Amino acid sequence: MKSVFLLLLLPTFLFAQTPSAKRITRHINKLASDKMKGRGTGSPENVKAAGYIAAYFRKANLTPLGTNGFYQPFTAKVRRVVVPDSLREATNVLGYLDNGAPFTIVIGAHYDHLGLGKQGSSLDSLPQGKIHNGADDNASGVAGLLEMAHYFSKNAVKEPYNFLFIAFGAEELGLQGSRYFLNNPTIPIAKLNFMVCMDMIGRYNPDRGVGIGGFGTSDTWPTVFKGVKSSIKFFTDRAGNGGSDNAAFYARQIPVLFFHTGGHPDYHKPTDDPEKIDATAEEAILKLEIQLIENAMQQPKMVFTPVK
């Protein structure tokens, strides 16, 4: 009788672990609120964002894999504009799900944004002093990262690959966090299978669909995508060397996938606000991502293919 009861509970248990629009909204509202002042690299609010991510990794019972617990501190440099504080303290946040497997899948998203418009890259005509909330760029990707950590740590399955979840710092200053990690890895790079990057996945346009870059970075990806279905529209692009932190991994000959819902008029402007996020569509994007990762785990370690 007990086994029958457990079987009846199983669908409810699994449903609770899958990505949730409600949780996505909560994460984005927290990270992209005015109180976070745009999460500019070196700011107290950027530190608070890193702490929020680390606390969630801890809640998911991930193993710290930074150089200081969950944190991997480094010094970032502002290059696009001249400022007196061009050197700024930054950090990556790393949580590891150890399944005792020989190889590891990296899932990443950057959590920094443009702060108060004083570090360059803003597309506002008068950016200085304005909060650039960065709801889509990239609180949406961080929400996705946290949902992936939640799913794979809580799904009661011991997968054939380990997972390394990384929230990268200083991406907006030129992929500095991901490059720092790859130059100072806390896990051997040879043990990495592939990298999945989420950057701007919160503004789904049904006419365009979600783009998935990196399809050409391994000959295995066509097999992984075969038969995959989703409630949302998606398309693939072969290139893997542009867009976000995936480019740093591609440069180290690691296969990648890059999820992105496309540009919009609020990109790198103070108007990139939480109320414009489509959390329901993001939930569907993450469920598609899970399908692809689970298909990929049925394959041997991928071989990198350069995209010409």
C-alpha atoms as a PDB file:
ATOM      1  CA  MET A   1       0.000   0.000   0.000  1.00  0.00           C
ATOM      2  CA  LYS A   2       2.862   2.350   0.882  1.00  0.00           C
ATOM      3  CA  SER A   3       4.475   1.841  -2.563  1.00  0.00           C
ATOM      4  CA  VAL A   4       1.184   2.682  -4.284  1.00  0.00           C
ATOM      5  CA  PHE A   5       0.903   5.876  -2.235  1.00  0.00           C
ATOM      6  CA  LEU A   6       4.448   6.876  -3.205  1.00  0.00           C
ATOM      7  CA  LEU A   7       3.682   6.273  -6.868  1.00  0.00           C
ATOM      8  CA  LEU A   8       0.640   8.541  -6.608  1.00  0.00           C
ATOM      9  CA  LEU A   9       2.800  11.250  -5.021  1.00  0.00           C
ATOM     10  CA  LEU A  10       5.552  10.994  -7.654  1.00  0.00           C
ATOM     11  CA  PRO A  11       3.908  13.167 -10.374  1.00  0.00           C
ATOM     12  CA  THR A  12       3.235  15.920  -7.815  1.00  0.00           C
ATOM     13  CA  PHE A  13       6.833  15.706  -6.573  1.00  0.00           C
ATOM     14  CA  LEU A  14       8.287  15.936 -10.072  1.00  0.00           C
ATOM     15  CA  PHE A  15       5.976  18.823 -10.996  1.00  0.00           C
ATOM     16  CA  ALA A  16       7.228  20.769  -7.977  1.00  0.00           C
ATOM     17  CA  GLN A  17      10.806  20.487  -9.210  1.00  0.00           C
ATOM     18  CA  THR A  18      10.197  21.665 -12.780  1.00  0.00           C
ATOM     19  CA  PRO A  19      10.718  25.338 -13.715  1.00  0.00           C
ATOM     20  CA  SER A  20       8.066  27.646 -12.346  1.00  0.00           C
ATOM     21  CA  ALA A  21       6.948  31.025 -13.713  1.00  0.00           C
ATOM     22  CA  LYS A  22       6.140  32.046 -10.145  1.00  0.00           C
ATOM     23  CA  ARG A  23       9.694  31.390  -8.925  1.00  0.00           C
ATOM     24  CA  ILE A  24      11.157  32.983 -12.071  1.00  0.00           C
ATOM     25  CA  THR A  25       9.166  36.141 -11.376  1.00  0.00           C
ATOM     26  CA  ARG A  26      10.295  36.195  -7.752  1.00  0.00           C
ATOM     27  CA  HIS A  27      13.965  35.911  -8.724  1.00  0.00           C
ATOM     28  CA  ILE A  28      13.721  38.628 -11.370  1.00  0.00           C
ATOM     29  CA  ASN A  29      11.783  41.000  -9.113  1.00  0.00           C
ATOM     30  CA  LYS A  30      14.504  40.597  -6.489  1.00  0.00           C
ATOM     31  CA  LEU A  31      17.548  40.951  -8.741  1.00  0.00           C
ATOM     32  CA  ALA A  32      16.149  43.712 -10.970  1.00  0.00           C
ATOM     33  CA  SER A  33      14.457  45.857  -8.335  1.00  0.00           C
ATOM     34  CA  ASP A  34      15.428  49.519  -7.961  1.00  0.00           C
ATOM     35  CA  LYS A  35      17.003  48.571  -4.617  1.00  0.00           C
ATOM     36  CA  MET A  36      19.646  46.574  -6.521  1.00  0.00           C
ATOM     37  CA  LYS A  37      20.640  49.730  -8.460  1.00  0.00           C
ATOM     38  CA  GLY A  38      21.487  47.835 -11.636  1.00  0.00           C
ATOM     39  CA  ARG A  39      24.011  45.390 -10.101  1.00  0.00           C
ATOM     40  CA  GLY A  40      27.007  47.293 -11.463  1.00  0.00           C
ATOM     41  CA  THR A  41      30.354  45.536 -11.057  1.00  0.00           C
ATOM     42  CA  GLY A  42      32.044  46.604  -7.823  1.00  0.00           C
ATOM     43  CA  SER A  43      28.852  47.964  -6.251  1.00  0.00           C
ATOM     44  CA  PRO A  44      27.407  46.844  -2.892  1.00  0.00           C
ATOM     45  CA  GLU A  45      24.286  45.763  -4.774  1.00  0.00           C
ATOM     46  CA  ASN A  46      26.349  43.503  -7.034  1.00  0.00           C
ATOM     47  CA  VAL A  47      27.681  41.861  -3.866  1.00  0.00           C
ATOM     48  CA  LYS A  48      24.098  41.437  -2.616  1.00  0.00           C
ATOM     49  CA  ALA A  49      23.126  39.770  -5.902  1.00  0.00           C
ATOM     50  CA  ALA A  50      26.030  37.331  -5.549  1.00  0.00           C
ATOM     51  CA  GLY A  51      24.887  36.588  -2.000  1.00  0.00           C
ATOM     52  CA  TYR A  52      21.342  35.900  -3.167  1.00  0.00           C
ATOM     53  CA  ILE A  53      22.647  33.390  -5.724  1.00  0.00           C
ATOM     54  CA  ALA A  54      24.996  31.717  -3.229  1.00  0.00           C
ATOM     55  CA  ALA A  55      22.160  31.369  -0.708  1.00  0.00           C
ATOM     56  CA  TYR A  56      20.032  29.644  -3.345  1.00  0.00           C
ATOM     57  CA  PHE A  57      22.891  27.304  -4.273  1.00  0.00           C
ATOM     58  CA  ARG A  58      23.242  26.474  -0.582  1.00  0.00           C
ATOM     59  CA  LYS A  59      19.503  25.808  -0.330  1.00  0.00           C
ATOM     60  CA  ALA A  60      19.828  23.415  -3.290  1.00  0.00           C
ATOM     61  CA  ASN A  61      22.561  21.544  -1.374  1.00  0.00           C
ATOM     62  CA  LEU A  62      25.159  22.267  -4.036  1.00  0.00           C
ATOM     63  CA  THR A  63      28.828  21.923  -3.153  1.00  0.00           C
ATOM     64  CA  PRO A  64      30.769  25.218  -3.095  1.00  0.00           C
ATOM     65  CA  LEU A  65      33.334  25.196  -5.911  1.00  0.00           C
ATOM     66  CA  GLY A  66      34.783  28.674  -5.735  1.00  0.00           C
ATOM     67  CA  THR A  67      38.084  29.592  -4.119  1.00  0.00           C
ATOM     68  CA  ASN A  68      36.240  31.070  -1.131  1.00  0.00           C
ATOM     69  CA  GLY A  69      33.217  28.888  -0.580  1.00  0.00           C
ATOM     70  CA  PHE A  70      30.759  29.545  -3.406  1.00  0.00           C
ATOM     71  CA  TYR A  71      32.736  32.633  -4.465  1.00  0.00           C
ATOM     72  CA  GLN A  72      35.619  33.019  -6.903  1.00  0.00           C
ATOM     73  CA  PRO A  73      36.757  36.642  -6.440  1.00  0.00           C
ATOM     74  CA  PHE A  74      38.705  38.504  -9.115  1.00  0.00           C
ATOM     75  CA  THR A  75      39.515  42.054 -10.128  1.00  0.00           C
ATOM     76  CA  ALA A  76      37.627  43.447 -13.108  1.00  0.00           C
ATOM     77  CA  LYS A  77      38.644  46.460 -15.159  1.00  0.00           C
ATOM     78  CA  VAL A  78      36.369  49.092 -16.696  1.00  0.00           C
ATOM     79  CA  ARG A  79      37.718  49.757 -20.194  1.00  0.00           C
ATOM     80  CA  ARG A  80      34.976  51.423 -22.224  1.00  0.00           C
ATOM     81  CA  VAL A  81      34.944  54.701 -20.283  1.00  0.00           C
ATOM     82  CA  VAL A  82      37.450  56.589 -18.149  1.00  0.00           C
ATOM     83  CA  VAL A  83      36.488  56.418 -14.459  1.00  0.00           C
ATOM     84  CA  PRO A  84      38.541  56.875 -11.271  1.00  0.00           C
ATOM     85  CA  ASP A  85      37.550  53.405  -9.999  1.00  0.00           C
ATOM     86  CA  SER A  86      38.452  51.460 -13.139  1.00  0.00           C
ATOM     87  CA  LEU A  87      39.591  48.441 -11.093  1.00  0.00           C
ATOM     88  CA  ARG A  88      36.656  46.837  -9.319  1.00  0.00           C
ATOM     89  CA  GLU A  89      36.216  43.815  -7.116  1.00  0.00           C
ATOM     90  CA  ALA A  90      34.051  41.148  -8.748  1.00  0.00           C
ATOM     91  CA  THR A  91      33.222  37.516  -8.183  1.00  0.00           C
ATOM     92  CA  ASN A  92      31.876  34.422  -9.871  1.00  0.00           C
ATOM     93  CA  VAL A  93      29.466  32.241  -7.881  1.00  0.00           C
ATOM     94  CA  LEU A  94      29.921  28.488  -8.358  1.00  0.00           C
ATOM     95  CA  GLY A  95      27.802  25.576  -7.136  1.00  0.00           C
ATOM     96  CA  TYR A  96      28.587  21.945  -7.972  1.00  0.00           C
ATOM     97  CA  LEU A  97      26.259  18.959  -8.176  1.00  0.00           C
ATOM     98  CA  ASP A  98      28.471  15.908  -7.790  1.00  0.00           C
ATOM     99  CA  ASN A  99      26.949  12.780  -9.319  1.00  0.00           C
ATOM    100  CA  GLY A 100      30.226  10.871  -9.140  1.00  0.00           C
ATOM    101  CA  ALA A 101      30.532  11.065 -12.938  1.00  0.00           C
ATOM    102  CA  PRO A 102      33.757  11.487 -14.926  1.00  0.00           C
ATOM    103  CA  PHE A 103      32.565  14.604 -16.794  1.00  0.00           C
ATOM    104  CA  THR A 104      30.670  17.783 -15.942  1.00  0.00           C
ATOM    105  CA  ILE A 105      28.110  19.991 -17.706  1.00  0.00           C
ATOM    106  CA  VAL A 106      28.415  23.741 -17.099  1.00  0.00           C
ATOM    107  CA  ILE A 107      25.257  25.853 -16.896  1.00  0.00           C
ATOM    108  CA  GLY A 108      25.930  29.574 -16.694  1.00  0.00           C
ATOM    109  CA  ALA A 109      24.483  33.083 -16.740  1.00  0.00           C
ATOM    110  CA  HIS A 110      25.948  36.476 -15.863  1.00  0.00           C
ATOM    111  CA  TYR A 111      24.376  38.413 -12.996  1.00  0.00           C
ATOM    112  CA  ASP A 112      25.995  41.847 -13.386  1.00  0.00           C
ATOM    113  CA  HIS A 113      24.476  44.737 -15.330  1.00  0.00           C
ATOM    114  CA  LEU A 114      25.209  48.427 -15.965  1.00  0.00           C
ATOM    115  CA  GLY A 115      24.527  49.858 -12.538  1.00  0.00           C
ATOM    116  CA  LEU A 116      23.863  53.593 -12.635  1.00  0.00           C
ATOM    117  CA  GLY A 117      25.081  53.959 -16.196  1.00  0.00           C
ATOM    118  CA  LYS A 118      28.643  54.992 -15.307  1.00  0.00           C
ATOM    119  CA  GLN A 119      30.619  52.007 -16.609  1.00  0.00           C
ATOM    120  CA  GLY A 120      29.917  52.329 -20.329  1.00  0.00           C
ATOM    121  CA  SER A 121      27.694  50.338 -22.727  1.00  0.00           C
ATOM    122  CA  SER A 122      24.426  52.127 -21.941  1.00  0.00           C
ATOM    123  CA  LEU A 123      22.342  53.004 -24.988  1.00  0.00           C
ATOM    124  CA  ASP A 124      20.429  55.730 -23.153  1.00  0.00           C
ATOM    125  CA  SER A 125      21.159  59.248 -24.416  1.00  0.00           C
ATOM    126  CA  LEU A 126      21.884  60.519 -20.868  1.00  0.00           C
ATOM    127  CA  PRO A 127      22.626  57.363 -18.832  1.00  0.00           C
ATOM    128  CA  GLN A 128      24.569  58.617 -15.831  1.00  0.00           C
ATOM    129  CA  GLY A 129      22.718  58.348 -12.536  1.00  0.00           C
ATOM    130  CA  LYS A 130      19.862  56.279 -13.963  1.00  0.00           C
ATOM    131  CA  ILE A 131      19.223  52.780 -12.615  1.00  0.00           C
ATOM    132  CA  HIS A 132      19.691  50.180 -15.348  1.00  0.00           C
ATOM    133  CA  ASN A 133      17.672  47.342 -13.786  1.00  0.00           C
ATOM    134  CA  GLY A 134      18.657  44.707 -16.330  1.00  0.00           C
ATOM    135  CA  ALA A 135      15.570  42.546 -15.873  1.00  0.00           C
ATOM    136  CA  ASP A 136      16.069  40.761 -19.177  1.00  0.00           C
ATOM    137  CA  ASP A 137      19.817  41.389 -19.225  1.00  0.00           C
ATOM    138  CA  ASN A 138      20.390  39.313 -17.281  1.00  0.00           C
ATOM    139  CA  ALA A 139      18.176  38.741 -14.281  1.00  0.00           C
ATOM    140  CA  SER A 140      16.163  36.517 -16.634  1.00  0.00           C
ATOM    141  CA  GLY A 141      19.188  34.316 -17.286  1.00  0.00           C
ATOM    142  CA  VAL A 142      20.064  34.125 -13.587  1.00  0.00           C
ATOM    143  CA  ALA A 143      16.479  33.099 -12.803  1.00  0.00           C
ATOM    144  CA  GLY A 144      16.950  30.354 -15.390  1.00  0.00           C
ATOM    145  CA  LEU A 145      20.243  29.320 -13.781  1.00  0.00           C
ATOM    146  CA  LEU A 146      18.600  29.050 -10.357  1.00  0.00           C
ATOM    147  CA  GLU A 147      15.707  27.057 -11.794  1.00  0.00           C
ATOM    148  CA  MET A 148      18.144  24.640 -13.457  1.00  0.00           C
ATOM    149  CA  ALA A 149      19.976  24.221 -10.148  1.00  0.00           C
ATOM    150  CA  HIS A 150      16.645  23.621  -8.420  1.00  0.00           C
ATOM    151  CA  TYR A 151      15.520  21.023 -10.950  1.00  0.00           C
ATOM    152  CA  PHE A 152      18.676  18.941 -11.227  1.00  0.00           C
ATOM    153  CA  SER A 153      19.392  18.999  -7.483  1.00  0.00           C
ATOM    154  CA  LYS A 154      15.814  18.117  -6.476  1.00  0.00           C
ATOM    155  CA  ASN A 155      14.660  15.653  -9.144  1.00  0.00           C
ATOM    156  CA  ALA A 156      15.802  12.554  -7.208  1.00  0.00           C
ATOM    157  CA  VAL A 157      17.794  11.316 -10.231  1.00  0.00           C
ATOM    158  CA  LYS A 158      21.518  10.612 -10.226  1.00  0.00           C
ATOM    159  CA  GLU A 159      22.460  11.753 -13.705  1.00  0.00           C
ATOM    160  CA  PRO A 160      25.422  10.335 -15.685  1.00  0.00           C
ATOM    161  CA  TYR A 161      27.115  13.766 -15.628  1.00  0.00           C
ATOM    162  CA  ASN A 162      27.942  16.225 -12.880  1.00  0.00           C
ATOM    163  CA  PHE A 163      26.734  19.834 -13.053  1.00  0.00           C
ATOM    164  CA  LEU A 164      28.602  23.053 -12.407  1.00  0.00           C
ATOM    165  CA  PHE A 165      26.294  26.055 -12.067  1.00  0.00           C
ATOM    166  CA  ILE A 166      28.118  29.372 -12.517  1.00  0.00           C
ATOM    167  CA  ALA A 167      26.825  32.914 -12.114  1.00  0.00           C
ATOM    168  CA  PHE A 168      29.449  35.021 -13.863  1.00  0.00           C
ATOM    169  CA  GLY A 169      30.508  38.471 -12.771  1.00  0.00           C
ATOM    170  CA  ALA A 170      31.664  41.357 -14.987  1.00  0.00           C
ATOM    171  CA  GLU A 171      30.250  40.002 -18.248  1.00  0.00           C
ATOM    172  CA  GLU A 172      29.179  43.501 -19.249  1.00  0.00           C
ATOM    173  CA  LEU A 173      32.825  44.592 -18.967  1.00  0.00           C
ATOM    174  CA  GLY A 174      33.869  42.050 -21.606  1.00  0.00           C
ATOM    175  CA  LEU A 175      33.215  38.452 -20.454  1.00  0.00           C
ATOM    176  CA  GLN A 176      35.718  38.980 -17.646  1.00  0.00           C
ATOM    177  CA  GLY A 177      34.146  36.516 -15.204  1.00  0.00           C
ATOM    178  CA  SER A 178      33.947  33.586 -17.596  1.00  0.00           C
ATOM    179  CA  ARG A 179      37.443  34.237 -18.897  1.00  0.00           C
ATOM    180  CA  TYR A 180      38.763  34.405 -15.350  1.00  0.00           C
ATOM    181  CA  PHE A 181      37.165  31.074 -14.510  1.00  0.00           C
ATOM    182  CA  LEU A 182      38.628  29.411 -17.602  1.00  0.00           C
ATOM    183  CA  ASN A 183      42.077  30.801 -16.814  1.00  0.00           C
ATOM    184  CA  ASN A 184      41.708  29.751 -13.165  1.00  0.00           C
ATOM    185  CA  PRO A 185      39.415  26.715 -13.278  1.00  0.00           C
ATOM    186  CA  THR A 186      38.276  25.102 -10.048  1.00  0.00           C
ATOM    187  CA  ILE A 187      37.624  21.876 -11.966  1.00  0.00           C
ATOM    188  CA  PRO A 188      39.897  20.545 -14.749  1.00  0.00           C
ATOM    189  CA  ILE A 189      38.779  21.969 -18.106  1.00  0.00           C
ATOM    190  CA  ALA A 190      39.375  18.567 -19.702  1.00  0.00           C
ATOM    191  CA  LYS A 191      36.556  17.251 -17.511  1.00  0.00           C
ATOM    192  CA  LEU A 192      33.981  19.672 -18.956  1.00  0.00           C
ATOM    193  CA  ASN A 193      31.534  18.194 -21.451  1.00  0.00           C
ATOM    194  CA  PHE A 194      29.666  21.239 -22.751  1.00  0.00           C
ATOM    195  CA  MET A 195      28.445  24.642 -21.580  1.00  0.00           C
ATOM    196  CA  VAL A 196      24.887  26.033 -21.653  1.00  0.00           C
ATOM    197  CA  CYS A 197      24.542  29.821 -21.442  1.00  0.00           C
ATOM    198  CA  MET A 198      21.400  31.867 -20.779  1.00  0.00           C
ATOM    199  CA  ASP A 199      21.515  35.585 -21.508  1.00  0.00           C
ATOM    200  CA  MET A 200      18.306  37.556 -22.112  1.00  0.00           C
ATOM    201  CA  ILE A 201      15.654  34.837 -22.134  1.00  0.00           C
ATOM    202  CA  GLY A 202      12.811  36.920 -20.691  1.00  0.00           C
ATOM    203  CA  ARG A 203      11.329  38.754 -23.676  1.00  0.00           C
ATOM    204  CA  TYR A 204       9.952  35.948 -25.822  1.00  0.00           C
ATOM    205  CA  ASN A 205       8.538  37.037 -29.173  1.00  0.00           C
ATOM    206  CA  PRO A 206       6.315  34.302 -30.676  1.00  0.00           C
ATOM    207  CA  ASP A 207       7.001  35.589 -34.181  1.00  0.00           C
ATOM    208  CA  ARG A 208      10.748  35.095 -33.719  1.00  0.00           C
ATOM    209  CA  GLY A 209      10.988  32.314 -31.166  1.00  0.00           C
ATOM    210  CA  VAL A 210      13.907  31.613 -28.863  1.00  0.00           C
ATOM    211  CA  GLY A 211      17.263  31.338 -30.597  1.00  0.00           C
ATOM    212  CA  ILE A 212      19.647  28.554 -29.600  1.00  0.00           C
ATOM    213  CA  GLY A 213      23.179  29.244 -30.733  1.00  0.00           C
ATOM    214  CA  GLY A 214      26.065  26.798 -30.795  1.00  0.00           C
ATOM    215  CA  PHE A 215      24.340  24.097 -32.857  1.00  0.00           C
ATOM    216  CA  GLY A 216      27.490  23.738 -34.947  1.00  0.00           C
ATOM    217  CA  THR A 217      29.928  23.408 -32.028  1.00  0.00           C
ATOM    218  CA  SER A 218      29.618  19.621 -31.872  1.00  0.00           C
ATOM    219  CA  ASP A 219      28.477  16.993 -34.343  1.00  0.00           C
ATOM    220  CA  THR A 220      26.410  15.546 -31.477  1.00  0.00           C
ATOM    221  CA  TRP A 221      23.943  18.443 -31.250  1.00  0.00           C
ATOM    222  CA  PRO A 222      21.749  17.318 -34.210  1.00  0.00           C
ATOM    223  CA  THR A 223      21.195  13.996 -32.431  1.00  0.00           C
ATOM    224  CA  VAL A 224      20.351  15.802 -29.188  1.00  0.00           C
ATOM    225  CA  PHE A 225      17.770  18.007 -30.918  1.00  0.00           C
ATOM    226  CA  LYS A 226      16.146  15.178 -32.862  1.00  0.00           C
ATOM    227  CA  GLY A 227      12.472  14.781 -31.971  1.00  0.00           C
ATOM    228  CA  VAL A 228      12.469  17.576 -29.376  1.00  0.00           C
ATOM    229  CA  LYS A 229       9.123  19.357 -29.076  1.00  0.00           C
ATOM    230  CA  SER A 230       8.129  22.466 -27.177  1.00  0.00           C
ATOM    231  CA  SER A 231       5.121  24.687 -26.553  1.00  0.00           C
ATOM    232  CA  ILE A 232       7.227  27.611 -27.767  1.00  0.00           C
ATOM    233  CA  LYS A 233       8.867  28.310 -31.096  1.00  0.00           C
ATOM    234  CA  PHE A 234      12.638  27.830 -31.307  1.00  0.00           C
ATOM    235  CA  PHE A 235      15.345  27.842 -33.930  1.00  0.00           C
ATOM    236  CA  THR A 236      19.039  26.983 -33.995  1.00  0.00           C
ATOM    237  CA  ASP A 237      22.103  28.859 -35.129  1.00  0.00           C
ATOM    238  CA  ARG A 238      25.447  27.193 -35.774  1.00  0.00           C
ATOM    239  CA  ALA A 239      27.700  29.917 -34.356  1.00  0.00           C
ATOM    240  CA  GLY A 240      28.973  29.569 -30.807  1.00  0.00           C
ATOM    241  CA  ASN A 241      31.506  32.370 -30.525  1.00  0.00           C
ATOM    242  CA  GLY A 242      29.246  35.351 -29.869  1.00  0.00           C
ATOM    243  CA  GLY A 243      26.523  36.686 -27.625  1.00  0.00           C
ATOM    244  CA  SER A 244      27.711  36.118 -24.068  1.00  0.00           C
ATOM    245  CA  ASP A 245      29.904  33.995 -21.794  1.00  0.00           C
ATOM    246  CA  ASN A 246      29.465  31.016 -24.116  1.00  0.00           C
ATOM    247  CA  ALA A 247      32.023  32.725 -26.386  1.00  0.00           C
ATOM    248  CA  ALA A 248      34.732  32.312 -23.745  1.00  0.00           C
ATOM    249  CA  PHE A 249      34.037  28.564 -23.562  1.00  0.00           C
ATOM    250  CA  TYR A 250      33.907  28.265 -27.335  1.00  0.00           C
ATOM    251  CA  ALA A 251      37.359  29.878 -27.489  1.00  0.00           C
ATOM    252  CA  ARG A 252      38.610  27.039 -25.243  1.00  0.00           C
ATOM    253  CA  GLN A 253      37.132  24.457 -27.638  1.00  0.00           C
ATOM    254  CA  ILE A 254      34.208  23.457 -25.432  1.00  0.00           C
ATOM    255  CA  PRO A 255      30.845  22.803 -27.153  1.00  0.00           C
ATOM    256  CA  VAL A 256      28.165  25.329 -26.210  1.00  0.00           C
ATOM    257  CA  LEU A 257      24.492  26.168 -26.441  1.00  0.00           C
ATOM    258  CA  PHE A 258      23.370  29.787 -26.075  1.00  0.00           C
ATOM    259  CA  PHE A 259      19.718  30.620 -25.300  1.00  0.00           C
ATOM    260  CA  HIS A 260      18.520  34.122 -26.235  1.00  0.00           C
ATOM    261  CA  THR A 261      15.087  35.625 -26.980  1.00  0.00           C
ATOM    262  CA  GLY A 262      16.490  38.467 -29.069  1.00  0.00           C
ATOM    263  CA  GLY A 263      17.033  42.198 -28.882  1.00  0.00           C
ATOM    264  CA  HIS A 264      14.430  44.829 -28.011  1.00  0.00           C
ATOM    265  CA  PRO A 265      14.209  48.617 -27.613  1.00  0.00           C
ATOM    266  CA  ASP A 266      14.966  48.418 -23.845  1.00  0.00           C
ATOM    267  CA  TYR A 267      18.342  46.693 -24.325  1.00  0.00           C
ATOM    268  CA  HIS A 268      21.021  48.409 -22.191  1.00  0.00           C
ATOM    269  CA  LYS A 269      18.589  51.135 -21.181  1.00  0.00           C
ATOM    270  CA  PRO A 270      16.999  52.062 -17.836  1.00  0.00           C
ATOM    271  CA  THR A 271      13.684  50.761 -19.184  1.00  0.00           C
ATOM    272  CA  ASP A 272      14.656  47.070 -19.022  1.00  0.00           C
ATOM    273  CA  ASP A 273      12.248  46.482 -16.128  1.00  0.00           C
ATOM    274  CA  PRO A 274      10.754  43.368 -14.441  1.00  0.00           C
ATOM    275  CA  GLU A 275       7.150  43.982 -15.482  1.00  0.00           C
ATOM    276  CA  LYS A 276       8.159  43.482 -19.134  1.00  0.00           C
ATOM    277  CA  ILE A 277       9.338  39.905 -18.573  1.00  0.00           C
ATOM    278  CA  ASP A 278       7.264  36.998 -19.898  1.00  0.00           C
ATOM    279  CA  ALA A 279       7.864  34.498 -17.094  1.00  0.00           C
ATOM    280  CA  THR A 280       5.443  31.942 -18.531  1.00  0.00           C
ATOM    281  CA  ALA A 281       7.384  31.804 -21.790  1.00  0.00           C
ATOM    282  CA  GLU A 282      10.658  31.620 -19.852  1.00  0.00           C
ATOM    283  CA  GLU A 283       9.310  28.632 -17.954  1.00  0.00           C
ATOM    284  CA  ALA A 284       8.681  26.924 -21.317  1.00  0.00           C
ATOM    285  CA  ILE A 285      12.181  27.843 -22.509  1.00  0.00           C
ATOM    286  CA  LEU A 286      13.705  26.212 -19.432  1.00  0.00           C
ATOM    287  CA  LYS A 287      11.629  23.063 -19.924  1.00  0.00           C
ATOM    288  CA  LEU A 288      12.946  22.905 -23.487  1.00  0.00           C
ATOM    289  CA  GLU A 289      16.461  23.354 -22.145  1.00  0.00           C
ATOM    290  CA  ILE A 290      15.960  20.485 -19.706  1.00  0.00           C
ATOM    291  CA  GLN A 291      14.823  18.221 -22.563  1.00  0.00           C
ATOM    292  CA  LEU A 292      17.976  19.021 -24.503  1.00  0.00           C
ATOM    293  CA  ILE A 293      20.282  18.510 -21.536  1.00  0.00           C
ATOM    294  CA  GLU A 294      18.642  15.214 -20.670  1.00  0.00           C
ATOM    295  CA  ASN A 295      18.984  14.068 -24.285  1.00  0.00           C
ATOM    296  CA  ALA A 296      22.630  15.163 -24.288  1.00  0.00           C
ATOM    297  CA  MET A 297      23.298  13.098 -21.162  1.00  0.00           C
ATOM    298  CA  GLN A 298      22.387   9.971 -23.121  1.00  0.00           C
ATOM    299  CA  GLN A 299      25.365  10.639 -25.394  1.00  0.00           C
ATOM    300  CA  PRO A 300      29.107  10.147 -24.758  1.00  0.00           C
ATOM    301  CA  LYS A 301      31.244  13.169 -23.945  1.00  0.00           C
ATOM    302  CA  MET A 302      30.959  15.589 -26.850  1.00  0.00           C
ATOM    303  CA  VAL A 303      33.741  16.359 -29.301  1.00  0.00           C
ATOM    304  CA  PHE A 304      34.192  20.056 -30.122  1.00  0.00           C
ATOM    305  CA  THR A 305      33.706  21.174 -33.721  1.00  0.00           C
ATOM    306  CA  PRO A 306      34.869  24.651 -34.817  1.00  0.00           C
ATOM    307  CA  VAL A 307      32.241  26.596 -36.729  1.00  0.00           C
ATOM    308  CA  LYS A 308      33.504  27.875 -40.089  1.00  0.00           C
END
